């Protein structure tokens, strides 16, 4: 009954979402590239284009005297390459921006072919700066800008209540402590924005030990998880954090020797980006971005991406905290608990294959923790170090034939300056055309809204969510409901799509959140669904309609 009622709504919404313009950007720290020539800019732009990225969000700090020359080169290069750019004004690095300077930058470049327009308006963003939010009434009036700031320190409700935003970008791209990332914050933004566009952050890693920033957040499965969450949430825009922020270790662009001065000026104990390429994280971006934009993508070549840390987590002096107790007010967690001693790998495959990992010549048979529905798509998993050191070799094979193999850097207990390097080493390798040439994978492209304004996702055709997870009190609810095609984003995370399973017969019983339950309105749809199908979790739901009061 539930599926019959919701499918017409899904179909209507699906048709709408497919015509909405979507784009993927990478956050680019302009202050790092003072030595760049226009040719250098063109090289990075070509590399980004090959990965399917539409443009750079140009982070420029107030008072940086190199901005003018660098920005001119950037736009000249982008014009030449058919690439898009927009400004992200950084209010945190060197202080607040003067609004007249912002007006000058936008008006100078908004007419360039390479300036990205949201609709017909030049897009502008920020890194923080909520104390100067009212300046943007005049800036928008003087430039016609479409304003999508990052005001994460204040939160989306504050930002929307300011009355000055046209949409929002969130900087909340990493999980807290020894846990994995969820879509809870993304869903909060979308709910608060009420239809205004949301730019969703995606990042692969975080480790900083520079400029008085010294902490780690969990990465590891993040690059895989976050793109699956993009497919689920379907934001209007995506911004990758970052292209070239080496100090925070979340770069996906190439390493440039000329960009490493921050490790000296920022008093880092050593250059922890050197010898730690992240290029392998770009390997599957064309496939993922095409999935996000159109709902389907073609596998033309199989491949493998793998990442891990070169120092086991107790090898040397940590020199950082897990979480950021000072700047973000988070609870301290031992960094050895936040980041795990494991080799992580993802493979884009046309059909199932096996994975093995050798560390110092000791071979482990790997497993897939995530398998795409239908057998074609991105597989993901990991294996533990098991105390091993030495060269890492990750091999993907099918029927005894090697598809792709990465000969990786060695794991070692020897640390530079005796200090742990928490950065990731990333490698990748491509293979031949898949065993099913031209395989097209259909993925989630739309959402439907329940009475609690959470969303569920259903891919086109016959595929729906067939497995999902939730944390804490949502665990049992998500496990039950996601297996039958109802998997509300923000509280549940779908882990597999497949053919619709018939849910248990409708009972006609109405379910509501327990009165007094924290964030009880987020349980509305789940409680209604599980009660109607005979599952009665007494820690979350009841038959008392008082629990829905005010939702």
Protein backbone atom coordinates (compact mmCIF):
# COMPACT_ATOMS: atom_id res chain seq x y z
CA UNK A 1 0.00 0.00 0.00
CA UNK A 2 2.75 2.42 1.01
CA UNK A 3 4.74 1.81 -2.20
CA UNK A 4 1.68 2.29 -4.43
CA UNK A 5 0.96 5.61 -2.76
CA UNK A 6 4.47 6.96 -2.97
CA UNK A 7 5.53 5.88 -6.48
CA UNK A 8 3.48 8.55 -8.33
CA UNK A 9 5.04 11.21 -6.10
CA UNK A 10 8.49 9.80 -6.74
CA UNK A 11 7.91 9.82 -10.48
CA UNK A 12 6.82 13.45 -10.47
CA UNK A 13 9.73 14.57 -8.31
CA UNK A 14 12.15 12.49 -10.36
CA UNK A 15 11.13 14.27 -13.53
CA UNK A 16 11.74 17.63 -11.87
CA UNK A 17 15.13 16.75 -10.40
CA UNK A 18 16.50 15.49 -13.70
CA UNK A 19 16.16 18.95 -15.27
CA UNK A 20 17.75 20.81 -12.36
CA UNK A 21 21.30 21.94 -13.13
CA UNK A 22 23.95 20.32 -10.97
CA UNK A 23 27.65 21.10 -10.71
CA UNK A 24 30.71 19.93 -8.78
CA UNK A 25 33.44 22.31 -7.62
CA UNK A 26 36.70 21.95 -5.75
CA UNK A 27 37.76 24.46 -3.09
CA UNK A 28 41.04 26.03 -4.25
CA UNK A 29 43.38 27.90 -1.86
CA UNK A 30 44.66 30.79 -4.00
CA UNK A 31 47.16 31.89 -1.35
CA UNK A 32 49.11 28.67 -1.88
CA UNK A 33 49.88 29.35 -5.54
CA UNK A 34 51.65 32.69 -5.58
CA UNK A 35 54.35 31.15 -7.82
CA UNK A 36 51.84 29.79 -10.37
CA UNK A 37 52.11 30.93 -13.97
CA UNK A 38 49.04 30.91 -16.20
CA UNK A 39 50.37 27.65 -17.66
CA UNK A 40 50.44 26.14 -14.16
CA UNK A 41 46.83 27.19 -13.64
CA UNK A 42 45.94 25.59 -16.97
CA UNK A 43 47.65 22.36 -15.91
CA UNK A 44 45.63 22.11 -12.70
CA UNK A 45 42.45 23.06 -14.53
CA UNK A 46 43.02 20.35 -17.16
CA UNK A 47 43.60 17.83 -14.37
CA UNK A 48 40.33 18.84 -12.70
CA UNK A 49 38.43 18.69 -15.99
CA UNK A 50 39.72 15.16 -16.61
CA UNK A 51 38.16 14.21 -13.27
CA UNK A 52 34.78 15.64 -14.27
CA UNK A 53 35.01 18.69 -11.98
CA UNK A 54 33.15 21.75 -13.30
CA UNK A 55 35.08 24.50 -11.55
CA UNK A 56 37.10 25.88 -8.66
CA UNK A 57 35.78 27.88 -5.71
CA UNK A 58 38.60 30.42 -5.38
CA UNK A 59 39.39 30.88 -1.69
CA UNK A 60 40.98 34.32 -1.30
CA UNK A 61 41.96 35.81 2.05
CA UNK A 62 41.43 39.46 2.89
CA UNK A 63 44.64 41.47 2.68
CA UNK A 64 46.63 38.89 0.69
CA UNK A 65 48.58 41.06 -1.74
CA UNK A 66 49.06 38.15 -4.14
CA UNK A 67 45.31 37.87 -4.80
CA UNK A 68 45.13 40.32 -7.69
CA UNK A 69 47.81 38.71 -9.86
CA UNK A 70 46.76 35.15 -9.03
CA UNK A 71 43.08 35.76 -9.72
CA UNK A 72 43.88 37.38 -13.09
CA UNK A 73 45.92 34.32 -14.12
CA UNK A 74 43.20 32.00 -12.89
CA UNK A 75 40.47 33.61 -14.98
CA UNK A 76 42.69 33.87 -18.06
CA UNK A 77 43.47 30.16 -17.72
CA UNK A 78 39.83 29.22 -17.08
CA UNK A 79 38.67 31.23 -20.11
CA UNK A 80 41.22 29.40 -22.24
CA UNK A 81 40.18 25.97 -20.94
CA UNK A 82 36.40 26.40 -20.78
CA UNK A 83 36.36 25.98 -17.00
CA UNK A 84 34.27 27.73 -14.33
CA UNK A 85 35.33 29.78 -11.29
CA UNK A 86 33.63 31.68 -8.50
CA UNK A 87 34.88 33.50 -5.40
CA UNK A 88 34.88 32.11 -1.88
CA UNK A 89 35.85 35.03 0.34
CA UNK A 90 37.82 33.80 3.36
CA UNK A 91 36.98 35.80 6.51
CA UNK A 92 38.92 33.55 8.88
CA UNK A 93 42.47 33.39 7.53
CA UNK A 94 43.52 37.06 7.69
CA UNK A 95 40.40 38.74 9.05
CA UNK A 96 37.21 40.26 7.65
CA UNK A 97 36.77 41.51 4.11
CA UNK A 98 35.92 45.11 3.26
CA UNK A 99 32.64 44.98 1.37
CA UNK A 100 33.87 47.42 -1.30
CA UNK A 101 36.77 45.11 -2.11
CA UNK A 102 34.34 42.23 -2.58
CA UNK A 103 32.15 44.34 -4.86
CA UNK A 104 35.21 45.20 -6.93
CA UNK A 105 36.27 41.57 -7.34
CA UNK A 106 32.83 40.33 -8.33
CA UNK A 107 32.08 43.19 -10.72
CA UNK A 108 35.50 42.89 -12.34
CA UNK A 109 35.13 39.20 -13.15
CA UNK A 110 31.42 38.38 -13.26
CA UNK A 111 31.28 39.13 -16.99
CA UNK A 112 34.02 36.66 -17.86
CA UNK A 113 32.96 33.52 -19.72
CA UNK A 114 34.52 31.44 -16.96
CA UNK A 115 32.59 32.98 -14.06
CA UNK A 116 30.01 30.50 -12.82
CA UNK A 117 26.41 31.72 -12.85
CA UNK A 118 23.70 30.27 -10.65
CA UNK A 119 20.83 30.87 -13.02
CA UNK A 120 21.76 34.27 -14.41
CA UNK A 121 23.58 35.50 -11.29
CA UNK A 122 27.29 35.31 -10.41
CA UNK A 123 27.75 32.83 -7.57
CA UNK A 124 29.63 34.04 -4.48
CA UNK A 125 30.48 32.16 -1.30
CA UNK A 126 32.55 32.57 1.86
CA UNK A 127 34.55 30.70 4.39
CA UNK A 128 32.82 31.93 7.55
CA UNK A 129 32.23 35.67 8.12
CA UNK A 130 28.78 35.67 9.79
CA UNK A 131 29.68 38.79 11.82
CA UNK A 132 29.76 40.65 8.50
CA UNK A 133 26.62 39.07 7.05
CA UNK A 134 24.75 42.38 6.80
CA UNK A 135 27.44 43.69 4.41
CA UNK A 136 26.04 41.29 1.84
CA UNK A 137 22.78 43.20 1.48
CA UNK A 138 24.80 46.00 -0.15
CA UNK A 139 27.15 43.58 -1.93
CA UNK A 140 24.25 41.68 -3.52
CA UNK A 141 22.60 44.93 -4.52
CA UNK A 142 25.81 46.24 -6.11
CA UNK A 143 26.82 43.03 -7.92
CA UNK A 144 23.66 40.98 -8.49
CA UNK A 145 25.44 38.08 -6.77
CA UNK A 146 23.77 34.82 -5.81
CA UNK A 147 25.03 34.42 -2.24
CA UNK A 148 25.73 30.92 -0.83
CA UNK A 149 28.04 31.41 2.17
CA UNK A 150 29.51 28.96 4.63
CA UNK A 151 28.23 30.13 7.99
CA UNK A 152 28.74 26.75 9.66
CA UNK A 153 29.85 28.30 12.95
CA UNK A 154 26.35 29.77 13.33
CA UNK A 155 24.38 26.98 11.67
CA UNK A 156 21.81 27.00 8.88
CA UNK A 157 18.87 28.37 10.88
CA UNK A 158 20.83 31.46 11.90
CA UNK A 159 22.02 31.93 8.33
CA UNK A 160 18.52 31.69 6.84
CA UNK A 161 17.12 33.99 9.52
CA UNK A 162 19.70 36.61 8.54
CA UNK A 163 17.65 37.19 5.41
CA UNK A 164 20.71 37.71 3.24
CA UNK A 165 21.41 34.22 1.85
CA UNK A 166 20.17 32.75 -1.44
CA UNK A 167 21.43 29.28 -0.48
CA UNK A 168 24.05 27.76 1.81
CA UNK A 169 27.31 25.85 1.72
CA UNK A 170 28.24 23.68 4.71
CA UNK A 171 31.81 23.06 5.90
CA UNK A 172 30.68 20.10 8.00
CA UNK A 173 32.39 17.39 5.94
CA UNK A 174 33.98 15.22 8.65
CA UNK A 175 32.61 12.97 11.40
CA UNK A 176 33.10 13.58 15.10
CA UNK A 177 35.49 11.22 16.87
CA UNK A 178 35.72 7.48 16.20
CA UNK A 179 32.56 7.35 14.10
CA UNK A 180 31.58 7.49 10.44
CA UNK A 181 29.95 10.37 8.59
CA UNK A 182 26.16 10.55 8.27
CA UNK A 183 23.82 12.81 6.30
CA UNK A 184 22.22 14.33 9.41
CA UNK A 185 23.77 17.77 8.91
CA UNK A 186 23.03 17.75 5.18
CA UNK A 187 19.40 16.96 5.84
CA UNK A 188 19.21 19.70 8.45
CA UNK A 189 20.49 22.21 5.89
CA UNK A 190 18.03 21.08 3.24
CA UNK A 191 15.12 21.20 5.66
CA UNK A 192 16.02 24.67 6.96
CA UNK A 193 16.68 26.02 3.46
CA UNK A 194 13.14 25.09 2.44
CA UNK A 195 13.88 24.75 -1.26
CA UNK A 196 16.77 27.17 -1.55
CA UNK A 197 19.85 25.47 -3.05
CA UNK A 198 22.31 23.57 -0.89
CA UNK A 199 25.99 23.07 -1.72
CA UNK A 200 27.06 19.82 -0.06
CA UNK A 201 30.65 19.36 1.16
CA UNK A 202 32.65 16.24 0.28
CA UNK A 203 36.13 15.63 1.70
CA UNK A 204 38.42 12.60 1.84
CA UNK A 205 40.54 13.29 4.95
CA UNK A 206 41.56 15.71 7.70
CA UNK A 207 44.88 15.98 9.50
CA UNK A 208 46.51 19.27 10.41
CA UNK A 209 49.67 20.12 12.37
CA UNK A 210 50.31 23.65 11.15
CA UNK A 211 49.34 27.25 12.10
CA UNK A 212 48.38 26.08 15.61
CA UNK A 213 45.94 23.56 14.14
CA UNK A 214 46.84 20.12 15.45
CA UNK A 215 44.11 17.48 15.25
CA UNK A 216 42.73 14.63 13.17
CA UNK A 217 39.19 13.68 12.15
CA UNK A 218 38.22 10.31 10.78
CA UNK A 219 38.73 9.89 7.02
CA UNK A 220 39.32 6.33 5.91
CA UNK A 221 35.89 5.25 4.53
CA UNK A 222 34.89 8.90 4.12
CA UNK A 223 35.65 9.34 0.42
CA UNK A 224 33.54 6.29 -0.47
CA UNK A 225 30.77 7.04 2.04
CA UNK A 226 30.43 10.69 1.18
CA UNK A 227 29.87 10.14 -2.53
CA UNK A 228 27.22 7.53 -1.76
CA UNK A 229 25.61 10.15 0.45
CA UNK A 230 25.71 12.68 -2.39
CA UNK A 231 23.78 10.20 -4.52
CA UNK A 232 21.29 9.84 -1.69
CA UNK A 233 20.88 13.51 -0.71
CA UNK A 234 20.99 14.88 -4.28
CA UNK A 235 22.11 18.44 -3.42
CA UNK A 236 21.90 21.18 -6.00
CA UNK A 237 25.69 21.68 -5.91
CA UNK A 238 28.72 19.82 -4.50
CA UNK A 239 31.98 21.34 -3.29
CA UNK A 240 35.02 19.14 -2.69
CA UNK A 241 37.17 20.20 0.26
CA UNK A 242 39.77 20.67 -1.17
CA UNK A 243 41.89 20.80 -4.30
CA UNK A 244 45.13 22.01 -2.72
CA UNK A 245 44.96 22.57 1.05
CA UNK A 246 48.07 20.59 1.96
CA UNK A 247 48.09 21.86 5.53
CA UNK A 248 44.82 20.09 6.31
CA UNK A 249 45.68 17.00 4.22
CA UNK A 250 42.41 16.93 2.29
CA UNK A 251 43.86 17.84 -1.11
CA UNK A 252 42.88 15.78 -4.16
CA UNK A 253 44.98 17.80 -6.62
CA UNK A 254 48.59 17.11 -7.58
CA UNK A 255 51.52 17.93 -5.33
CA UNK A 256 53.45 21.05 -6.39
CA UNK A 257 56.80 21.76 -4.73
CA UNK A 258 56.13 25.48 -5.18
CA UNK A 259 53.03 25.25 -2.94
CA UNK A 260 54.75 23.85 0.14
CA UNK A 261 55.81 27.09 1.81
CA UNK A 262 52.98 26.88 4.34
CA UNK A 263 54.83 24.11 6.19
CA UNK A 264 57.58 26.64 6.93
CA UNK A 265 55.44 29.72 7.54
CA UNK A 266 52.98 27.66 9.59
CA UNK A 267 55.66 26.13 11.86
CA UNK A 268 54.79 22.55 10.98
CA UNK A 269 57.13 19.95 12.52
CA UNK A 270 57.80 18.65 8.98
CA UNK A 271 56.24 18.59 5.50
CA UNK A 272 53.67 15.84 5.96
CA UNK A 273 52.32 16.17 2.40
CA UNK A 274 55.66 15.29 0.78
CA UNK A 275 55.61 11.72 -0.50
CA UNK A 276 51.88 11.44 0.14
CA UNK A 277 50.08 11.86 -3.22
CA UNK A 278 46.30 11.91 -3.24
CA UNK A 279 45.77 11.72 -7.02
CA UNK A 280 44.21 8.26 -6.72
CA UNK A 281 41.12 9.76 -5.12
CA UNK A 282 40.27 11.36 -8.49
CA UNK A 283 40.18 8.05 -10.39
CA UNK A 284 36.45 7.35 -10.02
CA UNK A 285 35.25 10.96 -9.95
CA UNK A 286 34.07 11.01 -13.60
CA UNK A 287 31.89 7.99 -12.88
CA UNK A 288 30.56 9.33 -9.57
CA UNK A 289 29.90 12.82 -10.88
CA UNK A 290 28.02 11.43 -13.86
CA UNK A 291 25.92 9.31 -11.50
CA UNK A 292 25.16 12.39 -9.39
CA UNK A 293 24.24 14.57 -12.35
CA UNK A 294 22.25 12.14 -14.49
CA UNK A 295 21.39 9.11 -12.38
CA UNK A 296 23.43 6.72 -14.51
CA UNK A 297 27.04 6.22 -15.55
CA UNK A 298 28.96 3.92 -17.89
CA UNK A 299 31.95 1.84 -16.82
CA UNK A 300 34.42 2.05 -19.69
CA UNK A 301 37.45 0.90 -17.71
CA UNK A 302 37.82 -1.00 -14.45
CA UNK A 303 40.23 0.25 -11.81
CA UNK A 304 41.44 0.33 -8.23
CA UNK A 305 42.08 3.07 -5.67
CA UNK A 306 43.74 2.40 -2.31
CA UNK A 307 44.79 4.54 0.66
CA UNK A 308 46.36 4.07 4.07
CA UNK A 309 48.77 5.73 6.51
CA UNK A 310 52.46 4.91 6.33
CA UNK A 311 52.95 5.05 10.12
CA UNK A 312 50.98 2.68 12.40
CA UNK A 313 49.04 4.70 14.93
CA UNK A 314 51.27 4.00 17.93
CA UNK A 315 54.62 4.06 16.12
CA UNK A 316 55.75 7.53 17.22
CA UNK A 317 54.72 10.66 19.13
CA UNK A 318 51.15 11.58 18.17
CA UNK A 319 51.65 15.39 18.44
CA UNK A 320 47.93 15.97 17.68
CA UNK A 321 44.57 15.36 19.31
CA UNK A 322 41.66 13.34 18.04
CA UNK A 323 38.91 15.92 17.47
CA UNK A 324 39.49 19.63 18.14
CA UNK A 325 38.65 20.38 21.79
CA UNK A 326 39.85 23.99 21.60
CA UNK A 327 38.59 25.40 18.30
CA UNK A 328 35.46 23.30 17.86
CA UNK A 329 34.66 22.47 21.48
CA UNK A 330 34.74 18.74 20.78
CA UNK A 331 35.49 16.01 23.26
CA UNK A 332 39.08 14.78 23.13
CA UNK A 333 39.52 11.32 21.60
CA UNK A 334 42.79 9.42 21.36
CA UNK A 335 43.89 9.88 17.71
CA UNK A 336 44.85 6.19 17.65
CA UNK A 337 41.15 5.43 18.07
CA UNK A 338 40.01 7.96 15.46
CA UNK A 339 42.24 6.61 12.67
CA UNK A 340 42.58 2.88 12.21
CA UNK A 341 45.56 0.78 11.13
CA UNK A 342 43.93 -0.52 7.97
CA UNK A 343 44.46 -0.52 4.21
CA UNK A 344 41.35 0.85 2.47
CA UNK A 345 40.44 0.18 -1.16
CA UNK A 346 37.70 0.86 -3.68
CA UNK A 347 37.33 -0.76 -7.09
CA UNK A 348 35.17 0.17 -10.08
CA UNK A 349 34.14 -3.15 -11.60
CA UNK A 350 31.79 -4.45 -14.25
CA UNK A 351 31.27 -7.64 -12.25
CA UNK A 352 32.43 -9.19 -8.99
CA UNK A 353 36.14 -9.79 -8.36
CA UNK A 354 38.43 -10.71 -5.48
CA UNK A 355 40.87 -8.47 -3.62
CA UNK A 356 44.09 -9.36 -1.83
CA UNK A 357 46.49 -7.18 0.17
CA UNK A 358 50.14 -7.93 0.79
CA UNK A 359 52.00 -6.08 3.55
CA UNK A 360 55.70 -6.83 3.61
CA UNK A 361 55.08 -10.04 1.66
CA UNK A 362 52.36 -11.35 3.99
CA UNK A 363 49.17 -11.74 1.93
CA UNK A 364 45.64 -11.28 3.28
CA UNK A 365 42.48 -12.11 1.39
CA UNK A 366 40.41 -8.94 1.43
CA UNK A 367 36.66 -8.61 1.73
CA UNK A 368 34.11 -6.20 0.29
CA UNK A 369 32.16 -4.30 2.92
CA UNK A 370 30.10 -2.54 0.24
CA UNK A 371 28.96 -4.28 -2.95
CA UNK A 372 26.94 -2.49 -5.67
CA UNK A 373 23.50 -3.83 -6.50
CA UNK A 374 23.60 -5.92 -9.66
CA UNK A 375 27.34 -6.51 -9.33
CA UNK A 376 28.53 -3.54 -11.41
CA UNK A 377 29.76 -0.31 -9.82
CA UNK A 378 32.07 0.67 -6.97
CA UNK A 379 33.08 -1.98 -4.44
CA UNK A 380 34.70 -0.91 -1.16
CA UNK A 381 36.46 -2.56 1.77
CA UNK A 382 39.57 -2.68 3.97
CA UNK A 383 41.94 -5.04 5.79
CA UNK A 384 43.93 -4.49 9.02
CA UNK A 385 47.68 -3.94 9.15
CA UNK A 386 47.86 -6.84 11.64
CA UNK A 387 51.15 -5.39 12.89
CA UNK A 388 52.74 -5.71 9.46
CA UNK A 389 55.27 -3.33 7.93
CA UNK A 390 56.84 -3.13 4.48
CA UNK A 391 55.56 -2.57 0.95
CA UNK A 392 51.82 -2.70 0.40
CA UNK A 393 50.49 -4.38 -2.73
CA UNK A 394 46.75 -4.39 -3.43
CA UNK A 395 45.53 -6.68 -6.22
CA UNK A 396 42.13 -7.07 -7.84
CA UNK A 397 41.63 -10.28 -9.81
CA UNK A 398 38.87 -12.26 -11.49
CA UNK A 399 39.09 -15.97 -12.22
CA UNK A 400 42.81 -15.90 -11.47
CA UNK A 401 43.54 -13.01 -13.85
CA UNK A 402 44.80 -9.69 -12.42
CA UNK A 403 42.54 -6.79 -13.32
CA UNK A 404 44.54 -4.01 -11.64
CA UNK A 405 47.23 -3.77 -9.01
CA UNK A 406 48.76 -0.98 -6.93
CA UNK A 407 52.36 -1.31 -5.74
CA UNK A 408 52.10 1.03 -2.79
CA UNK A 409 54.46 2.81 -0.44
CA UNK A 410 55.80 0.92 2.56
CA UNK A 411 54.33 1.01 6.04
CA UNK A 412 57.08 1.84 8.52
CA UNK A 413 57.55 2.50 12.23
CA UNK A 414 60.22 5.07 11.39
CA UNK A 415 58.77 8.59 11.64
CA UNK A 416 60.24 11.90 10.51
CA UNK A 417 61.40 13.89 13.55
CA UNK A 418 59.96 11.06 15.67
CA UNK A 419 56.45 12.43 15.05
CA UNK A 420 53.52 10.46 13.62
CA UNK A 421 52.39 11.36 10.10
CA UNK A 422 48.60 11.01 10.07
CA UNK A 423 48.29 11.89 6.37
CA UNK A 424 47.15 9.27 3.86
CA UNK A 425 49.13 7.80 1.01
CA UNK A 426 46.85 7.22 -2.00
CA UNK A 427 47.55 5.10 -5.06
CA UNK A 428 45.51 3.91 -8.02
CA UNK A 429 45.67 1.72 -11.11
CA UNK A 430 43.40 1.18 -14.09
CA UNK A 431 42.56 -2.06 -15.86
CA UNK A 432 41.00 -3.15 -19.11
CA UNK A 433 37.42 -2.63 -20.26
CA UNK A 434 35.01 -4.40 -17.90
CA UNK A 435 33.74 -7.88 -18.61
CA UNK A 436 30.39 -6.27 -19.34
CA UNK A 437 31.45 -3.42 -21.69
CA UNK A 438 29.36 -0.31 -21.44
CA UNK A 439 27.60 -1.45 -18.30
CA UNK A 440 25.26 1.31 -17.15
CA UNK A 441 24.59 1.66 -13.44
CA UNK A 442 21.37 3.38 -12.42
CA UNK A 443 21.51 5.15 -9.09
CA UNK A 444 19.43 7.31 -6.79
CA UNK A 445 18.40 10.58 -8.38
CA UNK A 446 15.49 11.96 -6.43
CA UNK A 447 13.65 12.09 -3.15
CA UNK A 448 10.18 12.15 -1.68
CA UNK A 449 9.14 13.99 1.46
CA UNK A 450 7.36 12.52 4.46
CA UNK A 451 5.35 14.42 7.03
CA UNK A 452 8.52 14.90 9.08
CA UNK A 453 10.39 16.52 6.15
CA UNK A 454 12.99 13.76 6.05
CA UNK A 455 13.59 12.26 2.60
CA UNK A 456 13.76 8.83 1.10
CA UNK A 457 15.55 7.91 -2.09
CA UNK A 458 14.52 5.55 -4.85
CA UNK A 459 16.56 5.00 -8.02
CA UNK A 460 14.86 5.03 -11.41
CA UNK A 461 13.45 1.76 -12.72
CA UNK A 462 12.94 -1.17 -10.38
CA UNK A 463 15.76 -0.47 -7.93
CA UNK A 464 15.04 0.70 -4.40
CA UNK A 465 16.98 0.64 -1.17
CA UNK A 466 17.27 -2.94 0.09
CA UNK A 467 19.63 -2.44 3.03
CA UNK A 468 20.46 0.43 5.35
CA UNK A 469 21.86 1.42 8.70
CA UNK A 470 21.27 4.01 11.39
CA UNK A 471 23.07 4.99 14.55
CA UNK A 472 21.91 4.87 18.14
CA UNK A 473 18.16 4.70 18.56
CA UNK A 474 17.64 4.66 14.79
CA UNK A 475 19.53 1.40 14.31
CA UNK A 476 16.64 -1.07 14.43
CA UNK A 477 14.22 1.26 12.66
CA UNK A 478 16.60 1.85 9.73
CA UNK A 479 17.56 -1.80 9.45
CA UNK A 480 13.88 -2.77 9.12
CA UNK A 481 12.54 0.05 6.95
CA UNK A 482 15.50 0.38 4.54
CA UNK A 483 15.24 -3.31 3.67
CA UNK A 484 11.78 -2.60 2.23
CA UNK A 485 12.61 0.51 0.22
CA UNK A 486 11.93 3.22 2.83
CA UNK A 487 15.25 4.75 3.96
CA UNK A 488 14.93 8.39 5.08
CA UNK A 489 18.13 10.36 4.52
CA UNK A 490 19.50 12.20 7.50
CA UNK A 491 18.59 9.45 9.97
CA UNK A 492 19.25 6.34 7.84
CA UNK A 493 21.99 5.61 5.30
CA UNK A 494 21.16 3.26 2.43
CA UNK A 495 23.97 0.74 1.89
CA UNK A 496 22.57 -1.19 -1.10
CA UNK A 497 20.02 -0.81 -3.88
CA UNK A 498 18.16 -3.66 -5.55
CA UNK A 499 14.78 -5.07 -6.48
CA UNK A 500 11.86 -4.02 -4.29
CA UNK A 501 11.07 -6.55 -1.54
CA UNK A 502 7.46 -6.86 -0.49
CA UNK A 503 7.12 -5.52 3.07
CA UNK A 504 5.08 -7.43 5.63
CA UNK A 505 1.30 -6.96 5.15
CA UNK A 506 -0.19 -3.67 6.31
CA UNK A 507 -1.59 -3.84 9.83
CA UNK A 508 -3.42 -0.54 9.68
CA UNK A 509 -1.81 0.34 13.00
CA UNK A 510 -0.68 3.96 13.24
CA UNK A 511 2.68 4.65 14.86
CA UNK A 512 4.06 7.88 16.33
CA UNK A 513 7.33 8.96 18.02
CA UNK A 514 7.50 8.50 21.76
CA UNK A 515 6.56 11.72 23.53
CA UNK A 516 9.63 13.32 25.05
CA UNK A 517 12.04 11.57 22.67
CA UNK A 518 14.92 13.90 21.65
CA UNK A 519 14.48 15.12 18.06
CA UNK A 520 11.24 13.11 18.01
CA UNK A 521 9.91 14.69 14.80
CA UNK A 522 12.68 12.97 12.82
CA UNK A 523 11.02 9.63 13.80
CA UNK A 524 7.62 10.45 12.28
CA UNK A 525 7.98 8.66 8.97
CA UNK A 526 9.88 5.71 10.43
CA UNK A 527 7.37 5.07 13.21
CA UNK A 528 4.48 5.30 10.78
CA UNK A 529 6.11 2.84 8.39
CA UNK A 530 7.28 0.23 10.90
CA UNK A 531 3.98 0.18 12.85
CA UNK A 532 2.02 -0.25 9.63
CA UNK A 533 4.14 -3.31 8.84
CA UNK A 534 4.12 -4.99 12.23
CA UNK A 535 7.36 -3.84 13.85
CA UNK A 536 6.84 -2.16 17.25
CA UNK A 537 10.13 -0.77 18.72
CA UNK A 538 9.25 0.42 22.22
CA UNK A 539 12.36 2.61 22.53
CA UNK A 540 11.28 4.94 19.72
CA UNK A 541 7.62 4.56 18.77
CA UNK A 542 4.15 4.09 20.24
CA UNK A 543 0.51 4.24 19.19
CA UNK A 544 -0.02 7.51 21.10
CA UNK A 545 -0.56 10.40 18.62
CA UNK A 546 0.67 12.87 21.27
CA UNK A 547 4.19 12.03 20.11
CA UNK A 548 3.50 13.78 16.79
CA UNK A 549 2.23 16.97 18.40
CA UNK A 550 3.92 20.04 16.96
CA UNK A 551 5.74 18.15 14.19
